[in-house]
Amino acid sequence: MTYPVYVLTNDHHLWLLKGFCYLFQKYWPYQPVTIFGYHPPQFALPDGFSFKSLGPTNRPYQRWSDGLIEMIKKIESETFILMLEDYWLTKEVNYSGLLYLYGDMLSAKIDWLRLDLSGERAS
């Protein structure tokens, strides 16, 4: 099963996509990824990665969330995984854990807003 994975970036951080894509393919192979930004990177994205423009102008950092809102308007899935270009994977993805959480979100009686999948806040 694949999950909609979206990456939000901007023109100043496009260089980070090389490392992001390399580690993503290493630790989560065969998972399609859609990258949303303003101008496409000057290098070819690997297979399974696509780029969609949020417009011709990079937003100033004070209004970065305008890009996020624009991205959400363009996607079809109500449930998705959002990453930034500096969220680099450092180990294998726990597929059974994702499947459990995804099923729980779809069958929940309450609306989920956000669930942090990173371990950086774990104690």
PDB file of N, CA and C in Angstrom:
ATOM      1  N   MET A   1       0.841  -1.183   0.000  1.00  0.00           N
ATOM      2  CA  MET A   1       0.000   0.000   0.000  1.00  0.00           C
ATOM      3  C   MET A   1       0.885   1.244   0.000  1.00  0.00           C
ATOM      4  N   THR A   2       0.522   2.212  -0.809  1.00  0.00           N
ATOM      5  CA  THR A   2       1.245   3.477  -0.808  1.00  0.00           C
ATOM      6  C   THR A   2       0.356   4.543  -0.175  1.00  0.00           C
ATOM      7  N   TYR A   3       0.982   5.515   0.385  1.00  0.00           N
ATOM      8  CA  TYR A   3       0.298   6.609   1.061  1.00  0.00           C
ATOM      9  C   TYR A   3       0.609   7.882   0.303  1.00  0.00           C
ATOM     10  N   PRO A   4      -0.328   8.816   0.213  1.00  0.00           N
ATOM     11  CA  PRO A   4       0.020  10.084  -0.415  1.00  0.00           C
ATOM     12  C   PRO A   4       1.082  10.793   0.437  1.00  0.00           C
ATOM     13  N   VAL A   5       2.237  11.019  -0.148  1.00  0.00           N
ATOM     14  CA  VAL A   5       3.324  11.728   0.532  1.00  0.00           C
ATOM     15  C   VAL A   5       3.586  13.005  -0.248  1.00  0.00           C
ATOM     16  N   TYR A   6       3.512  14.128   0.452  1.00  0.00           N
ATOM     17  CA  TYR A   6       3.742  15.437  -0.147  1.00  0.00           C
ATOM     18  C   TYR A   6       4.881  16.115   0.591  1.00  0.00           C
ATOM     19  N   VAL A   7       5.730  16.764  -0.185  1.00  0.00           N
ATOM     20  CA  VAL A   7       6.860  17.509   0.367  1.00  0.00           C
ATOM     21  C   VAL A   7       6.682  18.967  -0.030  1.00  0.00           C
ATOM     22  N   LEU A   8       6.794  19.845   0.937  1.00  0.00           N
ATOM     23  CA  LEU A   8       6.670  21.282   0.684  1.00  0.00           C
ATOM     24  C   LEU A   8       8.067  21.890   0.720  1.00  0.00           C
ATOM     25  N   THR A   9       8.395  22.670  -0.291  1.00  0.00           N
ATOM     26  CA  THR A   9       9.702  23.314  -0.348  1.00  0.00           C
ATOM     27  C   THR A   9       9.554  24.720  -0.916  1.00  0.00           C
ATOM     28  N   ASN A  10      10.664  25.412  -1.020  1.00  0.00           N
ATOM     29  CA  ASN A  10      10.700  26.724  -1.667  1.00  0.00           C
ATOM     30  C   ASN A  10      12.000  26.828  -2.452  1.00  0.00           C
ATOM     31  N   ASP A  11      12.133  27.874  -3.215  1.00  0.00           N
ATOM     32  CA  ASP A  11      13.292  28.003  -4.099  1.00  0.00           C
ATOM     33  C   ASP A  11      14.623  28.025  -3.343  1.00  0.00           C
ATOM     34  N   HIS A  12      14.639  28.542  -2.132  1.00  0.00           N
ATOM     35  CA  HIS A  12      15.884  28.641  -1.361  1.00  0.00           C
ATOM     36  C   HIS A  12      16.337  27.290  -0.812  1.00  0.00           C
ATOM     37  N   HIS A  13      15.463  26.323  -0.750  1.00  0.00           N
ATOM     38  CA  HIS A  13      15.786  25.021  -0.159  1.00  0.00           C
ATOM     39  C   HIS A  13      15.803  23.872  -1.164  1.00  0.00           C
ATOM     40  N   LEU A  14      15.751  24.178  -2.438  1.00  0.00           N
ATOM     41  CA  LEU A  14      15.746  23.119  -3.454  1.00  0.00           C
ATOM     42  C   LEU A  14      16.978  22.225  -3.364  1.00  0.00           C
ATOM     43  N   TRP A  15      18.104  22.783  -2.954  1.00  0.00           N
ATOM     44  CA  TRP A  15      19.346  22.003  -2.860  1.00  0.00           C
ATOM     45  C   TRP A  15      19.212  20.858  -1.868  1.00  0.00           C
ATOM     46  N   LEU A  16      18.329  20.990  -0.880  1.00  0.00           N
ATOM     47  CA  LEU A  16      18.122  19.936   0.116  1.00  0.00           C
ATOM     48  C   LEU A  16      17.438  18.694  -0.471  1.00  0.00           C
ATOM     49  N   LEU A  17      16.785  18.852  -1.606  1.00  0.00           N
ATOM     50  CA  LEU A  17      16.046  17.732  -2.198  1.00  0.00           C
ATOM     51  C   LEU A  17      16.950  16.581  -2.631  1.00  0.00           C
ATOM     52  N   LYS A  18      18.201  16.863  -2.989  1.00  0.00           N
ATOM     53  CA  LYS A  18      19.106  15.781  -3.386  1.00  0.00           C
ATOM     54  C   LYS A  18      19.290  14.793  -2.235  1.00  0.00           C
ATOM     55  N   GLY A  19      19.600  15.291  -1.056  1.00  0.00           N
ATOM     56  CA  GLY A  19      19.759  14.426   0.112  1.00  0.00           C
ATOM     57  C   GLY A  19      18.453  13.804   0.543  1.00  0.00           C
ATOM     58  N   PHE A  20      17.376  14.593   0.508  1.00  0.00           N
ATOM     59  CA  PHE A  20      16.056  14.079   0.873  1.00  0.00           C
ATOM     60  C   PHE A  20      15.686  12.891  -0.005  1.00  0.00           C
ATOM     61  N   CYS A  21      15.796  13.058  -1.320  1.00  0.00           N
ATOM     62  CA  CYS A  21      15.410  11.997  -2.258  1.00  0.00           C
ATOM     63  C   CYS A  21      16.283  10.759  -2.078  1.00  0.00           C
ATOM     64  N   TYR A  22      17.581  10.958  -1.897  1.00  0.00           N
ATOM     65  CA  TYR A  22      18.486   9.820  -1.731  1.00  0.00           C
ATOM     66  C   TYR A  22      18.083   8.978  -0.515  1.00  0.00           C
ATOM     67  N   LEU A  23      17.898   9.631   0.635  1.00  0.00           N
ATOM     68  CA  LEU A  23      17.550   8.906   1.858  1.00  0.00           C
ATOM     69  C   LEU A  23      16.129   8.350   1.800  1.00  0.00           C
ATOM     70  N   PHE A  24      15.232   9.076   1.172  1.00  0.00           N
ATOM     71  CA  PHE A  24      13.859   8.586   1.051  1.00  0.00           C
ATOM     72  C   PHE A  24      13.832   7.289   0.246  1.00  0.00           C
ATOM     73  N   GLN A  25      14.539   7.264  -0.877  1.00  0.00           N
ATOM     74  CA  GLN A  25      14.588   6.047  -1.687  1.00  0.00           C
ATOM     75  C   GLN A  25      15.269   4.902  -0.942  1.00  0.00           C
ATOM     76  N   LYS A  26      16.237   5.227  -0.119  1.00  0.00           N
ATOM     77  CA  LYS A  26      16.951   4.191   0.642  1.00  0.00           C
ATOM     78  C   LYS A  26      16.053   3.562   1.694  1.00  0.00           C
ATOM     79  N   TYR A  27      15.298   4.388   2.422  1.00  0.00           N
ATOM     80  CA  TYR A  27      14.523   3.899   3.563  1.00  0.00           C
ATOM     81  C   TYR A  27      13.030   3.700   3.295  1.00  0.00           C
ATOM     82  N   TRP A  28      12.526   4.183   2.167  1.00  0.00           N
ATOM     83  CA  TRP A  28      11.123   3.989   1.819  1.00  0.00           C
ATOM     84  C   TRP A  28      11.005   3.809   0.302  1.00  0.00           C
ATOM     85  N   PRO A  29      11.612   2.761  -0.222  1.00  0.00           N
ATOM     86  CA  PRO A  29      11.602   2.556  -1.672  1.00  0.00           C
ATOM     87  C   PRO A  29      10.188   2.288  -2.192  1.00  0.00           C
ATOM     88  N   TYR A  30       9.983   2.641  -3.438  1.00  0.00           N
ATOM     89  CA  TYR A  30       8.735   2.402  -4.171  1.00  0.00           C
ATOM     90  C   TYR A  30       7.573   3.275  -3.716  1.00  0.00           C
ATOM     91  N   GLN A  31       7.816   4.201  -2.814  1.00  0.00           N
ATOM     92  CA  GLN A  31       6.756   5.105  -2.363  1.00  0.00           C
ATOM     93  C   GLN A  31       6.778   6.359  -3.235  1.00  0.00           C
ATOM     94  N   PRO A  32       5.700   6.641  -3.966  1.00  0.00           N
ATOM     95  CA  PRO A  32       5.665   7.874  -4.764  1.00  0.00           C
ATOM     96  C   PRO A  32       5.646   9.116  -3.871  1.00  0.00           C
ATOM     97  N   VAL A  33       6.253  10.175  -4.350  1.00  0.00           N
ATOM     98  CA  VAL A  33       6.341  11.439  -3.611  1.00  0.00           C
ATOM     99  C   VAL A  33       6.027  12.578  -4.570  1.00  0.00           C
ATOM    100  N   THR A  34       5.180  13.493  -4.133  1.00  0.00           N
ATOM    101  CA  THR A  34       4.911  14.710  -4.888  1.00  0.00           C
ATOM    102  C   THR A  34       5.521  15.871  -4.131  1.00  0.00           C
ATOM    103  N   ILE A  35       6.373  16.614  -4.812  1.00  0.00           N
ATOM    104  CA  ILE A  35       7.030  17.779  -4.215  1.00  0.00           C
ATOM    105  C   ILE A  35       6.317  19.022  -4.714  1.00  0.00           C
ATOM    106  N   PHE A  36       5.914  19.873  -3.787  1.00  0.00           N
ATOM    107  CA  PHE A  36       5.295  21.149  -4.119  1.00  0.00           C
ATOM    108  C   PHE A  36       6.281  22.261  -3.810  1.00  0.00           C
ATOM    109  N   GLY A  37       6.495  23.124  -4.784  1.00  0.00           N
ATOM    110  CA  GLY A  37       7.381  24.271  -4.613  1.00  0.00           C
ATOM    111  C   GLY A  37       7.002  25.322  -5.640  1.00  0.00           C
ATOM    112  N   TYR A  38       7.937  26.188  -5.936  1.00  0.00           N
ATOM    113  CA  TYR A  38       7.647  27.270  -6.877  1.00  0.00           C
ATOM    114  C   TYR A  38       8.301  27.015  -8.228  1.00  0.00           C
ATOM    115  N   HIS A  39       9.609  26.895  -8.243  1.00  0.00           N
ATOM    116  CA  HIS A  39      10.324  26.545  -9.466  1.00  0.00           C
ATOM    117  C   HIS A  39      10.921  25.159  -9.287  1.00  0.00           C
ATOM    118  N   PRO A  40      10.884  24.329 -10.318  1.00  0.00           N
ATOM    119  CA  PRO A  40      11.454  22.979 -10.183  1.00  0.00           C
ATOM    120  C   PRO A  40      12.967  23.051  -9.987  1.00  0.00           C
ATOM    121  N   PRO A  41      13.527  22.033  -9.366  1.00  0.00           N
ATOM    122  CA  PRO A  41      14.983  22.021  -9.184  1.00  0.00           C
ATOM    123  C   PRO A  41      15.691  21.940 -10.539  1.00  0.00           C
ATOM    124  N   GLN A  42      16.939  22.377 -10.565  1.00  0.00           N
ATOM    125  CA  GLN A  42      17.732  22.361 -11.793  1.00  0.00           C
ATOM    126  C   GLN A  42      18.351  20.995 -12.060  1.00  0.00           C
ATOM    127  N   PHE A  43      18.014  20.001 -11.256  1.00  0.00           N
ATOM    128  CA  PHE A  43      18.505  18.633 -11.440  1.00  0.00           C
ATOM    129  C   PHE A  43      17.296  17.709 -11.577  1.00  0.00           C
ATOM    130  N   ALA A  44      17.532  16.571 -12.191  1.00  0.00           N
ATOM    131  CA  ALA A  44      16.447  15.604 -12.406  1.00  0.00           C
ATOM    132  C   ALA A  44      16.071  14.931 -11.089  1.00  0.00           C
ATOM    133  N   LEU A  45      14.788  14.825 -10.859  1.00  0.00           N
ATOM    134  CA  LEU A  45      14.301  14.086  -9.690  1.00  0.00           C
ATOM    135  C   LEU A  45      14.328  12.596 -10.007  1.00  0.00           C
ATOM    136  N   PRO A  46      14.563  11.763  -8.994  1.00  0.00           N
ATOM    137  CA  PRO A  46      14.569  10.310  -9.235  1.00  0.00           C
ATOM    138  C   PRO A  46      13.188   9.791  -9.627  1.00  0.00           C
ATOM    139  N   ASP A  47      13.157   8.582 -10.143  1.00  0.00           N
ATOM    140  CA  ASP A  47      11.883   7.930 -10.460  1.00  0.00           C
ATOM    141  C   ASP A  47      11.005   7.886  -9.210  1.00  0.00           C
ATOM    142  N   GLY A  48       9.732   8.116  -9.390  1.00  0.00           N
ATOM    143  CA  GLY A  48       8.794   8.081  -8.277  1.00  0.00           C
ATOM    144  C   GLY A  48       8.577   9.439  -7.625  1.00  0.00           C
ATOM    145  N   PHE A  49       9.367  10.442  -8.017  1.00  0.00           N
ATOM    146  CA  PHE A  49       9.232  11.794  -7.477  1.00  0.00           C
ATOM    147  C   PHE A  49       8.702  12.705  -8.576  1.00  0.00           C
ATOM    148  N   SER A  50       7.706  13.512  -8.248  1.00  0.00           N
ATOM    149  CA  SER A  50       7.182  14.478  -9.213  1.00  0.00           C
ATOM    150  C   SER A  50       7.155  15.857  -8.557  1.00  0.00           C
ATOM    151  N   PHE A  51       7.103  16.887  -9.382  1.00  0.00           N
ATOM    152  CA  PHE A  51       7.118  18.269  -8.896  1.00  0.00           C
ATOM    153  C   PHE A  51       5.884  18.996  -9.411  1.00  0.00           C
ATOM    154  N   LYS A  52       5.235  19.753  -8.509  1.00  0.00           N
ATOM    155  CA  LYS A  52       4.108  20.602  -8.885  1.00  0.00           C
ATOM    156  C   LYS A  52       4.382  22.010  -8.376  1.00  0.00           C
ATOM    157  N   SER A  53       4.137  22.973  -9.231  1.00  0.00           N
ATOM    158  CA  SER A  53       4.406  24.370  -8.875  1.00  0.00           C
ATOM    159  C   SER A  53       3.241  24.980  -8.105  1.00  0.00           C
ATOM    160  N   LEU A  54       3.595  25.789  -7.130  1.00  0.00           N
ATOM    161  CA  LEU A  54       2.609  26.545  -6.358  1.00  0.00           C
ATOM    162  C   LEU A  54       2.456  27.964  -6.906  1.00  0.00           C
ATOM    163  N   GLY A  55       3.138  28.253  -7.990  1.00  0.00           N
ATOM    164  CA  GLY A  55       3.055  29.573  -8.603  1.00  0.00           C
ATOM    165  C   GLY A  55       4.420  30.082  -8.999  1.00  0.00           C
ATOM    166  N   PRO A  56       4.443  31.224  -9.635  1.00  0.00           N
ATOM    167  CA  PRO A  56       5.698  31.749 -10.176  1.00  0.00           C
ATOM    168  C   PRO A  56       6.577  32.481  -9.160  1.00  0.00           C
ATOM    169  N   THR A  57       6.026  32.793  -7.996  1.00  0.00           N
ATOM    170  CA  THR A  57       6.772  33.603  -7.037  1.00  0.00           C
ATOM    171  C   THR A  57       6.950  32.869  -5.716  1.00  0.00           C
ATOM    172  N   ASN A  58       8.192  32.775  -5.283  1.00  0.00           N
ATOM    173  CA  ASN A  58       8.502  32.203  -3.982  1.00  0.00           C
ATOM    174  C   ASN A  58       7.936  33.121  -2.893  1.00  0.00           C
ATOM    175  N   ARG A  59       7.230  32.578  -1.950  1.00  0.00           N
ATOM    176  CA  ARG A  59       6.626  33.388  -0.888  1.00  0.00           C
ATOM    177  C   ARG A  59       7.705  33.841   0.106  1.00  0.00           C
ATOM    178  N   PRO A  60       7.552  35.030   0.672  1.00  0.00           N
ATOM    179  CA  PRO A  60       8.488  35.435   1.740  1.00  0.00           C
ATOM    180  C   PRO A  60       8.287  34.543   2.963  1.00  0.00           C
ATOM    181  N   TYR A  61       9.336  34.391   3.767  1.00  0.00           N
ATOM    182  CA  TYR A  61       9.266  33.455   4.892  1.00  0.00           C
ATOM    183  C   TYR A  61       8.142  33.785   5.864  1.00  0.00           C
ATOM    184  N   GLN A  62       7.750  35.032   5.966  1.00  0.00           N
ATOM    185  CA  GLN A  62       6.657  35.391   6.878  1.00  0.00           C
ATOM    186  C   GLN A  62       5.311  34.840   6.399  1.00  0.00           C
ATOM    187  N   ARG A  63       5.238  34.449   5.139  1.00  0.00           N
ATOM    188  CA  ARG A  63       3.979  33.962   4.570  1.00  0.00           C
ATOM    189  C   ARG A  63       4.129  32.549   4.010  1.00  0.00           C
ATOM    190  N   TRP A  64       5.023  31.757   4.616  1.00  0.00           N
ATOM    191  CA  TRP A  64       5.257  30.398   4.121  1.00  0.00           C
ATOM    192  C   TRP A  64       3.987  29.554   4.169  1.00  0.00           C
ATOM    193  N   SER A  65       3.118  29.829   5.131  1.00  0.00           N
ATOM    194  CA  SER A  65       1.908  29.014   5.261  1.00  0.00           C
ATOM    195  C   SER A  65       0.937  29.242   4.101  1.00  0.00           C
ATOM    196  N   ASP A  66       1.080  30.355   3.381  1.00  0.00           N
ATOM    197  CA  ASP A  66       0.260  30.551   2.177  1.00  0.00           C
ATOM    198  C   ASP A  66       0.547  29.438   1.165  1.00  0.00           C
ATOM    199  N   GLY A  67       1.804  29.034   1.068  1.00  0.00           N
ATOM    200  CA  GLY A  67       2.170  27.938   0.182  1.00  0.00           C
ATOM    201  C   GLY A  67       1.551  26.624   0.638  1.00  0.00           C
ATOM    202  N   LEU A  68       1.538  26.397   1.952  1.00  0.00           N
ATOM    203  CA  LEU A  68       0.920  25.197   2.502  1.00  0.00           C
ATOM    204  C   LEU A  68      -0.573  25.167   2.184  1.00  0.00           C
ATOM    205  N   ILE A  69      -1.241  26.280   2.352  1.00  0.00           N
ATOM    206  CA  ILE A  69      -2.677  26.361   2.048  1.00  0.00           C
ATOM    207  C   ILE A  69      -2.916  26.095   0.565  1.00  0.00           C
ATOM    208  N   GLU A  70      -2.072  26.664  -0.285  1.00  0.00           N
ATOM    209  CA  GLU A  70      -2.208  26.447  -1.724  1.00  0.00           C
ATOM    210  C   GLU A  70      -1.989  24.976  -2.073  1.00  0.00           C
ATOM    211  N   MET A  71      -1.024  24.333  -1.428  1.00  0.00           N
ATOM    212  CA  MET A  71      -0.760  22.921  -1.655  1.00  0.00           C
ATOM    213  C   MET A  71      -1.981  22.084  -1.273  1.00  0.00           C
ATOM    214  N   ILE A  72      -2.540  22.338  -0.106  1.00  0.00           N
ATOM    215  CA  ILE A  72      -3.691  21.569   0.366  1.00  0.00           C
ATOM    216  C   ILE A  72      -4.879  21.723  -0.582  1.00  0.00           C
ATOM    217  N   LYS A  73      -5.029  22.902  -1.170  1.00  0.00           N
ATOM    218  CA  LYS A  73      -6.107  23.099  -2.144  1.00  0.00           C
ATOM    219  C   LYS A  73      -5.918  22.255  -3.394  1.00  0.00           C
ATOM    220  N   LYS A  74      -4.674  21.909  -3.725  1.00  0.00           N
ATOM    221  CA  LYS A  74      -4.376  21.187  -4.962  1.00  0.00           C
ATOM    222  C   LYS A  74      -4.396  19.667  -4.808  1.00  0.00           C
ATOM    223  N   ILE A  75      -4.416  19.160  -3.592  1.00  0.00           N
ATOM    224  CA  ILE A  75      -4.380  17.712  -3.417  1.00  0.00           C
ATOM    225  C   ILE A  75      -5.792  17.164  -3.258  1.00  0.00           C
ATOM    226  N   GLU A  76      -5.949  15.898  -3.594  1.00  0.00           N
ATOM    227  CA  GLU A  76      -7.265  15.273  -3.556  1.00  0.00           C
ATOM    228  C   GLU A  76      -7.496  14.458  -2.292  1.00  0.00           C
ATOM    229  N   SER A  77      -6.453  13.957  -1.682  1.00  0.00           N
ATOM    230  CA  SER A  77      -6.598  13.071  -0.535  1.00  0.00           C
ATOM    231  C   SER A  77      -6.842  13.857   0.753  1.00  0.00           C
ATOM    232  N   GLU A  78      -7.748  13.347   1.562  1.00  0.00           N
ATOM    233  CA  GLU A  78      -7.988  13.965   2.866  1.00  0.00           C
ATOM    234  C   GLU A  78      -6.957  13.517   3.891  1.00  0.00           C
ATOM    235  N   THR A  79      -6.368  12.363   3.662  1.00  0.00           N
ATOM    236  CA  THR A  79      -5.362  11.813   4.564  1.00  0.00           C
ATOM    237  C   THR A  79      -4.053  11.710   3.792  1.00  0.00           C
ATOM    238  N   PHE A  80      -2.999  12.311   4.325  1.00  0.00           N
ATOM    239  CA  PHE A  80      -1.721  12.304   3.630  1.00  0.00           C
ATOM    240  C   PHE A  80      -0.588  12.498   4.636  1.00  0.00           C
ATOM    241  N   ILE A  81       0.610  12.245   4.159  1.00  0.00           N
ATOM    242  CA  ILE A  81       1.814  12.484   4.951  1.00  0.00           C
ATOM    243  C   ILE A  81       2.490  13.720   4.376  1.00  0.00           C
ATOM    244  N   LEU A  82       2.711  14.711   5.215  1.00  0.00           N
ATOM    245  CA  LEU A  82       3.363  15.952   4.816  1.00  0.00           C
ATOM    246  C   LEU A  82       4.777  15.964   5.382  1.00  0.00           C
ATOM    247  N   MET A  83       5.715  16.248   4.513  1.00  0.00           N
ATOM    248  CA  MET A  83       7.111  16.364   4.932  1.00  0.00           C
ATOM    249  C   MET A  83       7.670  17.658   4.360  1.00  0.00           C
ATOM    250  N   LEU A  84       8.713  18.147   4.980  1.00  0.00           N
ATOM    251  CA  LEU A  84       9.473  19.258   4.425  1.00  0.00           C
ATOM    252  C   LEU A  84      10.761  18.692   3.847  1.00  0.00           C
ATOM    253  N   GLU A  85      11.426  19.471   3.034  1.00  0.00           N
ATOM    254  CA  GLU A  85      12.609  18.978   2.346  1.00  0.00           C
ATOM    255  C   GLU A  85      13.781  18.678   3.275  1.00  0.00           C
ATOM    256  N   ASP A  86      13.690  19.113   4.515  1.00  0.00           N
ATOM    257  CA  ASP A  86      14.763  18.794   5.473  1.00  0.00           C
ATOM    258  C   ASP A  86      14.343  17.712   6.476  1.00  0.00           C
ATOM    259  N   TYR A  87      13.235  17.042   6.223  1.00  0.00           N
ATOM    260  CA  TYR A  87      12.821  15.877   7.028  1.00  0.00           C
ATOM    261  C   TYR A  87      13.448  14.635   6.399  1.00  0.00           C
ATOM    262  N   TRP A  88      14.698  14.402   6.675  1.00  0.00           N
ATOM    263  CA  TRP A  88      15.425  13.300   6.063  1.00  0.00           C
ATOM    264  C   TRP A  88      15.230  12.031   6.870  1.00  0.00           C
ATOM    265  N   LEU A  89      14.840  10.957   6.198  1.00  0.00           N
ATOM    266  CA  LEU A  89      14.684   9.663   6.858  1.00  0.00           C
ATOM    267  C   LEU A  89      16.055   9.140   7.268  1.00  0.00           C
ATOM    268  N   THR A  90      16.104   8.505   8.442  1.00  0.00           N
ATOM    269  CA  THR A  90      17.376   7.990   8.947  1.00  0.00           C
ATOM    270  C   THR A  90      17.334   6.497   9.242  1.00  0.00           C
ATOM    271  N   LYS A  91      16.160   5.885   9.039  1.00  0.00           N
ATOM    272  CA  LYS A  91      16.044   4.436   9.217  1.00  0.00           C
ATOM    273  C   LYS A  91      14.819   3.950   8.459  1.00  0.00           C
ATOM    274  N   GLU A  92      14.714   2.621   8.368  1.00  0.00           N
ATOM    275  CA  GLU A  92      13.612   2.007   7.636  1.00  0.00           C
ATOM    276  C   GLU A  92      12.262   2.474   8.185  1.00  0.00           C
ATOM    277  N   VAL A  93      11.317   2.635   7.286  1.00  0.00           N
ATOM    278  CA  VAL A  93       9.955   3.020   7.658  1.00  0.00           C
ATOM    279  C   VAL A  93       9.247   1.812   8.265  1.00  0.00           C
ATOM    280  N   ASN A  94       8.497   2.036   9.327  1.00  0.00           N
ATOM    281  CA  ASN A  94       7.721   0.991   9.988  1.00  0.00           C
ATOM    282  C   ASN A  94       6.377   0.873   9.254  1.00  0.00           C
ATOM    283  N   TYR A  95       6.332  -0.012   8.253  1.00  0.00           N
ATOM    284  CA  TYR A  95       5.139  -0.136   7.413  1.00  0.00           C
ATOM    285  C   TYR A  95       3.918  -0.592   8.199  1.00  0.00           C
ATOM    286  N   SER A  96       4.085  -1.549   9.097  1.00  0.00           N
ATOM    287  CA  SER A  96       2.925  -2.030   9.857  1.00  0.00           C
ATOM    288  C   SER A  96       2.396  -0.931  10.775  1.00  0.00           C
ATOM    289  N   GLY A  97       3.272  -0.123  11.317  1.00  0.00           N
ATOM    290  CA  GLY A  97       2.836   1.003  12.152  1.00  0.00           C
ATOM    291  C   GLY A  97       2.063   2.022  11.336  1.00  0.00           C
ATOM    292  N   LEU A  98       2.546   2.324  10.136  1.00  0.00           N
ATOM    293  CA  LEU A  98       1.827   3.256   9.266  1.00  0.00           C
ATOM    294  C   LEU A  98       0.462   2.716   8.874  1.00  0.00           C
ATOM    295  N   LEU A  99       0.414   1.444   8.535  1.00  0.00           N
ATOM    296  CA  LEU A  99      -0.855   0.825   8.159  1.00  0.00           C
ATOM    297  C   LEU A  99      -1.857   0.899   9.308  1.00  0.00           C
ATOM    298  N   TYR A 100      -1.400   0.626  10.519  1.00  0.00           N
ATOM    299  CA  TYR A 100      -2.262   0.703  11.700  1.00  0.00           C
ATOM    300  C   TYR A 100      -2.790   2.130  11.896  1.00  0.00           C
ATOM    301  N   LEU A 101      -1.894   3.112  11.862  1.00  0.00           N
ATOM    302  CA  LEU A 101      -2.301   4.505  12.072  1.00  0.00           C
ATOM    303  C   LEU A 101      -3.231   4.984  10.963  1.00  0.00           C
ATOM    304  N   TYR A 102      -2.931   4.607   9.733  1.00  0.00           N
ATOM    305  CA  TYR A 102      -3.756   5.014   8.604  1.00  0.00           C
ATOM    306  C   TYR A 102      -5.170   4.446   8.749  1.00  0.00           C
ATOM    307  N   GLY A 103      -5.268   3.171   9.088  1.00  0.00           N
ATOM    308  CA  GLY A 103      -6.576   2.559   9.305  1.00  0.00           C
ATOM    309  C   GLY A 103      -7.310   3.195  10.460  1.00  0.00           C
ATOM    310  N   ASP A 104      -6.582   3.514  11.530  1.00  0.00           N
ATOM    311  CA  ASP A 104      -7.187   4.152  12.696  1.00  0.00           C
ATOM    312  C   ASP A 104      -7.718   5.542  12.341  1.00  0.00           C
ATOM    313  N   MET A 105      -6.971   6.275  11.538  1.00  0.00           N
ATOM    314  CA  MET A 105      -7.429   7.605  11.123  1.00  0.00           C
ATOM    315  C   MET A 105      -8.692   7.510  10.282  1.00  0.00           C
ATOM    316  N   LEU A 106      -8.736   6.542   9.369  1.00  0.00           N
ATOM    317  CA  LEU A 106      -9.899   6.419   8.488  1.00  0.00           C
ATOM    318  C   LEU A 106     -11.148   5.958   9.227  1.00  0.00           C
ATOM    319  N   SER A 107     -10.979   5.183  10.294  1.00  0.00           N
ATOM    320  CA  SER A 107     -12.144   4.653  10.997  1.00  0.00           C
ATOM    321  C   SER A 107     -12.483   5.432  12.272  1.00  0.00           C
ATOM    322  N   ALA A 108     -11.724   6.445  12.584  1.00  0.00           N
ATOM    323  CA  ALA A 108     -11.928   7.189  13.835  1.00  0.00           C
ATOM    324  C   ALA A 108     -13.252   7.945  13.825  1.00  0.00           C
ATOM    325  N   LYS A 109     -13.832   8.057  14.983  1.00  0.00           N
ATOM    326  CA  LYS A 109     -15.073   8.802  15.136  1.00  0.00           C
ATOM    327  C   LYS A 109     -14.809  10.308  15.283  1.00  0.00           C
ATOM    328  N   ILE A 110     -13.555  10.659  15.500  1.00  0.00           N
ATOM    329  CA  ILE A 110     -13.181  12.070  15.600  1.00  0.00           C
ATOM    330  C   ILE A 110     -12.300  12.420  14.399  1.00  0.00           C
ATOM    331  N   ASP A 111     -12.231  13.684  14.079  1.00  0.00           N
ATOM    332  CA  ASP A 111     -11.356  14.132  13.009  1.00  0.00           C
ATOM    333  C   ASP A 111      -9.940  14.290  13.540  1.00  0.00           C
ATOM    334  N   TRP A 112      -9.001  13.731  12.818  1.00  0.00           N
ATOM    335  CA  TRP A 112      -7.595  13.911  13.148  1.00  0.00           C
ATOM    336  C   TRP A 112      -7.134  15.173  12.450  1.00  0.00           C
ATOM    337  N   LEU A 113      -6.347  15.940  13.129  1.00  0.00           N
ATOM    338  CA  LEU A 113      -5.763  17.113  12.499  1.00  0.00           C
ATOM    339  C   LEU A 113      -4.304  16.850  12.158  1.00  0.00           C
ATOM    340  N   ARG A 114      -3.590  16.254  13.121  1.00  0.00           N
ATOM    341  CA  ARG A 114      -2.168  16.068  12.931  1.00  0.00           C
ATOM    342  C   ARG A 114      -1.677  14.930  13.806  1.00  0.00           C
ATOM    343  N   LEU A 115      -0.745  14.181  13.276  1.00  0.00           N
ATOM    344  CA  LEU A 115      -0.062  13.139  14.037  1.00  0.00           C
ATOM    345  C   LEU A 115       1.400  13.196  13.632  1.00  0.00           C
ATOM    346  N   ASP A 116       2.279  13.392  14.593  1.00  0.00           N
ATOM    347  CA  ASP A 116       3.707  13.500  14.328  1.00  0.00           C
ATOM    348  C   ASP A 116       4.295  12.099  14.207  1.00  0.00           C
ATOM    349  N   LEU A 117       4.845  11.773  13.037  1.00  0.00           N
ATOM    350  CA  LEU A 117       5.419  10.447  12.811  1.00  0.00           C
ATOM    351  C   LEU A 117       6.900  10.393  13.160  1.00  0.00           C
ATOM    352  N   SER A 118       7.503  11.515  13.502  1.00  0.00           N
ATOM    353  CA  SER A 118       8.923  11.501  13.818  1.00  0.00           C
ATOM    354  C   SER A 118       9.121  11.054  15.262  1.00  0.00           C
ATOM    355  N   GLY A 119      10.305  10.565  15.560  1.00  0.00           N
ATOM    356  CA  GLY A 119      10.620  10.128  16.918  1.00  0.00           C
ATOM    357  C   GLY A 119      11.344  11.187  17.707  1.00  0.00           C
ATOM    358  N   GLU A 120      11.491  12.373  17.151  1.00  0.00           N
ATOM    359  CA  GLU A 120      12.298  13.393  17.818  1.00  0.00           C
ATOM    360  C   GLU A 120      11.651  13.977  19.071  1.00  0.00           C
ATOM    361  N   ARG A 121      10.359  13.771  19.229  1.00  0.00           N
ATOM    362  CA  ARG A 121       9.684  14.290  20.424  1.00  0.00           C
ATOM    363  C   ARG A 121       9.423  13.198  21.453  1.00  0.00           C
ATOM    364  N   ALA A 122       9.826  11.993  21.142  1.00  0.00           N
ATOM    365  CA  ALA A 122       9.604  10.875  22.066  1.00  0.00           C
ATOM    366  C   ALA A 122      10.544  10.992  23.262  1.00  0.00           C
ATOM    367  N   SER A 123      10.043  10.605  24.415  1.00  0.00           N
ATOM    368  CA  SER A 123      10.903  10.684  25.601  1.00  0.00           C
ATOM    369  C   SER A 123      11.430   9.317  25.983  1.00  0.00           C
TER     370      SER A 123
END
